[in-house]
Amino acid sequence: MDEIMETEHSGLSYNTEKPKLKIPEYGRTLQQMVDYCVSVEDREKRNRTAHAIINVMGEINPHLRNVPDFQHKLWDQLFIMSDFKLDIDSPFP
């Protein structure tokens, strides 16, 4: 029986074994996008990538569009998800 359990586990990836998400509401895929953005060396490409991520975040949370300063909130959340390692030209200081 233990062999079956080991075989079933091989090749599978469980979220409990992965790093905890900074903002779970956005999911692991968006976190991976942010991690990729942090790793981009070219500043211009990194800025374009960050803006694309902000657009996706806005689509995921359309209810935020009614909140005052929703763009500012999205940019703050992007920096939180990047552990403040993201070096980009943000429209908000």
Protein backbone atom coordinates (compact mmCIF):
# COMPACT_ATOMS: atom_id res chain seq x y z
CA MET A 1 0.00 0.00 0.00
CA ASP A 2 2.87 2.39 0.79
CA GLU A 3 4.28 1.79 -2.71
CA ILE A 4 1.01 2.91 -4.25
CA MET A 5 1.00 6.10 -2.19
CA GLU A 6 4.60 6.90 -3.18
CA THR A 7 3.84 6.24 -6.84
CA GLU A 8 0.76 8.44 -6.75
CA HIS A 9 2.74 11.25 -5.12
CA SER A 10 5.61 11.13 -7.62
CA GLY A 11 5.18 13.73 -10.32
CA LEU A 12 2.47 15.58 -8.44
CA SER A 13 2.93 18.93 -6.82
CA TYR A 14 0.81 19.92 -3.84
CA ASN A 15 0.19 23.53 -2.86
CA THR A 16 0.94 22.65 0.75
CA GLU A 17 4.51 21.88 -0.34
CA LYS A 18 4.93 25.20 -2.17
CA PRO A 19 5.82 28.59 -0.67
CA LYS A 20 2.94 30.46 0.94
CA LEU A 21 1.31 33.10 -1.27
CA LYS A 22 1.67 36.76 -0.27
CA ILE A 23 -1.90 37.59 -1.38
CA PRO A 24 -3.77 34.29 -1.83
CA GLU A 25 -6.74 35.95 -3.56
CA TYR A 26 -4.65 36.36 -6.72
CA GLY A 27 -3.51 32.76 -6.88
CA ARG A 28 -0.26 31.03 -7.66
CA THR A 29 -0.19 31.88 -11.38
CA LEU A 30 -0.21 35.62 -10.75
CA GLN A 31 2.46 35.16 -8.06
CA GLN A 32 4.58 33.38 -10.65
CA MET A 33 4.06 36.30 -13.03
CA VAL A 34 5.26 38.71 -10.34
CA ASP A 35 8.28 36.51 -9.59
CA TYR A 36 9.12 36.48 -13.30
CA CYS A 37 8.80 40.28 -13.44
CA VAL A 38 11.28 40.64 -10.58
CA SER A 39 13.74 38.42 -12.46
CA VAL A 40 13.63 40.45 -15.71
CA GLU A 41 16.92 42.32 -16.06
CA ASP A 42 15.92 44.85 -18.74
CA ARG A 43 14.20 47.76 -16.96
CA GLU A 44 11.96 48.68 -19.92
CA LYS A 45 10.76 45.10 -20.31
CA ARG A 46 10.26 44.84 -16.54
CA ASN A 47 8.10 48.01 -16.61
CA ARG A 48 5.99 46.65 -19.48
CA THR A 49 5.59 43.35 -17.64
CA ALA A 50 4.51 45.12 -14.44
CA HIS A 51 1.88 47.12 -16.33
CA ALA A 52 0.57 43.91 -17.91
CA ILE A 53 0.33 42.30 -14.46
CA ILE A 54 -1.60 45.34 -13.17
CA ASN A 55 -4.06 44.92 -16.05
CA VAL A 56 -4.58 41.25 -15.14
CA MET A 57 -5.05 42.15 -11.47
CA GLY A 58 -7.72 44.68 -12.48
CA GLU A 59 -9.52 42.03 -14.53
CA ILE A 60 -9.40 39.55 -11.65
CA ASN A 61 -10.91 42.11 -9.24
CA PRO A 62 -13.36 44.25 -11.23
CA HIS A 63 -15.10 45.18 -7.97
CA LEU A 64 -12.03 47.27 -7.07
CA ARG A 65 -12.83 49.65 -9.91
CA ASN A 66 -15.49 51.27 -7.69
CA VAL A 67 -13.01 51.78 -4.88
CA PRO A 68 -11.31 55.19 -4.77
CA ASP A 69 -7.66 54.97 -5.83
CA PHE A 70 -8.06 51.39 -7.07
CA GLN A 71 -5.01 51.72 -9.36
CA HIS A 72 -2.94 52.78 -6.35
CA LYS A 73 -4.20 49.73 -4.43
CA LEU A 74 -3.24 47.42 -7.31
CA TRP A 75 0.28 48.86 -7.47
CA ASP A 76 0.64 48.51 -3.70
CA GLN A 77 -0.45 44.88 -3.93
CA LEU A 78 2.04 44.26 -6.76
CA PHE A 79 4.88 45.56 -4.58
CA ILE A 80 3.69 43.45 -1.64
CA MET A 81 3.63 40.33 -3.84
CA SER A 82 7.19 41.06 -4.97
CA ASP A 83 8.43 41.47 -1.37
CA PHE A 84 9.23 45.05 -2.41
CA LYS A 85 12.01 43.76 -4.67
CA LEU A 86 10.44 45.14 -7.85
CA ASP A 87 12.49 48.00 -9.31
CA ILE A 88 10.13 49.73 -11.74
CA ASP A 89 8.82 53.17 -12.64
CA SER A 90 5.54 53.10 -10.73
CA PRO A 91 2.99 55.86 -11.27
CA PHE A 92 2.74 56.02 -7.46
CA PRO A 93 5.77 56.80 -5.27
